[in-house]
């Protein structure tokens, strides 16, 4: 697992940054209008460029988190991560871990 971003709650979404070896952007996770049950709860933007989507989830331990999918033509494959409340209770960490089989 690796922390690839830090965010704070902002209205009905989050603001912060995403940093990897190839990506270093300020990002906004904004609430999205859902057209159906499988549609994302949030869209993710770097400036005006959309580069991801996210869905509200609940863990087996009954903790809420946001499942994130980031994608860009420069990525070999999409990045999957979880946005979870940090231990300080004031911020959120974007945690990436390689999926089995990747």
Protein backbone atom coordinates (compact mmCIF):
# COMPACT_ATOMS: atom_id res chain seq x y z
CA UNK A 1 0.00 0.00 0.00
CA UNK A 2 1.12 3.52 -0.75
CA UNK A 3 -0.37 6.90 -0.02
CA UNK A 4 -0.60 8.66 -3.38
CA UNK A 5 -2.74 11.60 -2.34
CA UNK A 6 -4.03 13.76 0.48
CA UNK A 7 -7.40 15.51 0.55
CA UNK A 8 -9.66 17.56 2.76
CA UNK A 9 -13.46 17.66 2.75
CA UNK A 10 -14.76 20.52 0.61
CA UNK A 11 -18.52 21.03 0.39
CA UNK A 12 -19.97 17.84 -1.09
CA UNK A 13 -16.56 16.64 -2.33
CA UNK A 14 -12.84 16.80 -1.60
CA UNK A 15 -9.82 18.89 -2.67
CA UNK A 16 -6.17 17.94 -2.52
CA UNK A 17 -3.40 16.45 -4.60
CA UNK A 18 -2.35 13.20 -6.25
CA UNK A 19 1.36 12.39 -6.46
CA UNK A 20 2.96 9.34 -8.06
CA UNK A 21 6.23 8.86 -9.95
CA UNK A 22 4.55 10.17 -13.12
CA UNK A 23 1.70 12.31 -11.77
CA UNK A 24 1.77 15.40 -9.56
CA UNK A 25 -1.52 17.33 -9.77
CA UNK A 26 -3.90 19.32 -7.63
CA UNK A 27 -7.20 17.50 -7.80
CA UNK A 28 -10.86 18.03 -6.98
CA UNK A 29 -13.25 15.18 -6.30
CA UNK A 30 -16.69 16.61 -7.10
CA UNK A 31 -20.13 15.11 -6.51
CA UNK A 32 -21.69 13.83 -9.74
CA UNK A 33 -25.27 13.52 -10.87
CA UNK A 34 -26.10 9.80 -10.94
CA UNK A 35 -27.97 8.61 -14.01
CA UNK A 36 -28.23 5.04 -12.68
CA UNK A 37 -27.19 2.90 -9.68
CA UNK A 38 -23.81 2.00 -11.20
CA UNK A 39 -22.89 5.57 -12.15
CA UNK A 40 -20.09 7.15 -10.08
CA UNK A 41 -20.90 9.27 -7.04
CA UNK A 42 -17.97 11.58 -7.83
CA UNK A 43 -15.92 12.78 -10.82
CA UNK A 44 -12.23 13.63 -10.37
CA UNK A 45 -10.64 16.65 -12.03
CA UNK A 46 -7.20 18.20 -12.43
CA UNK A 47 -8.19 21.74 -13.38
CA UNK A 48 -10.85 21.26 -16.07
CA UNK A 49 -9.60 17.82 -17.15
CA UNK A 50 -11.56 14.84 -15.85
CA UNK A 51 -9.24 11.93 -15.07
CA UNK A 52 -11.23 9.70 -12.77
CA UNK A 53 -14.41 8.61 -11.07
CA UNK A 54 -15.26 7.39 -7.58
CA UNK A 55 -17.97 5.47 -5.74
CA UNK A 56 -19.09 5.57 -2.09
CA UNK A 57 -18.52 2.21 -0.37
CA UNK A 58 -18.72 0.62 3.09
CA UNK A 59 -16.05 -1.82 4.29
CA UNK A 60 -16.69 -5.16 5.99
CA UNK A 61 -15.84 -3.34 9.24
CA UNK A 62 -18.72 -0.90 8.50
CA UNK A 63 -16.37 2.02 7.73
CA UNK A 64 -17.22 4.36 4.88
CA UNK A 65 -14.65 5.04 2.15
CA UNK A 66 -14.53 6.11 -1.49
CA UNK A 67 -13.38 3.68 -4.18
CA UNK A 68 -11.39 5.64 -6.79
CA UNK A 69 -10.44 4.88 -10.39
CA UNK A 70 -7.93 7.22 -12.05
CA UNK A 71 -7.20 6.95 -15.76
CA UNK A 72 -5.23 8.92 -18.30
CA UNK A 73 -3.84 8.15 -21.76
CA UNK A 74 -0.34 8.27 -20.24
CA UNK A 75 -1.15 5.37 -17.84
CA UNK A 76 -0.49 1.79 -18.95
CA UNK A 77 -3.55 0.74 -16.93
CA UNK A 78 -6.00 2.58 -14.68
CA UNK A 79 -5.01 3.26 -11.06
CA UNK A 80 -7.41 1.94 -8.41
CA UNK A 81 -7.26 3.40 -4.90
CA UNK A 82 -9.33 4.06 -1.79
CA UNK A 83 -9.95 7.45 -0.21
CA UNK A 84 -10.09 6.90 3.55
CA UNK A 85 -10.31 9.18 6.56
CA UNK A 86 -6.85 9.71 8.07
CA UNK A 87 -6.09 9.05 11.72
CA UNK A 88 -6.23 12.78 12.51
CA UNK A 89 -9.93 12.82 11.54
CA UNK A 90 -9.39 16.04 9.58
CA UNK A 91 -7.93 14.81 6.30
CA UNK A 92 -8.27 11.92 3.88
CA UNK A 93 -5.59 9.70 2.37
CA UNK A 94 -5.71 8.25 -1.14
CA UNK A 95 -4.27 4.75 -0.70
CA UNK A 96 -3.13 2.66 -3.66
CA UNK A 97 -2.41 -1.04 -3.55
CA UNK A 98 -1.77 -3.40 -6.44
CA UNK A 99 -4.72 -5.63 -7.19
CA UNK A 100 -4.05 -9.37 -7.23
CA UNK A 101 -3.15 -10.46 -10.73
CA UNK A 102 -1.70 -7.04 -11.65
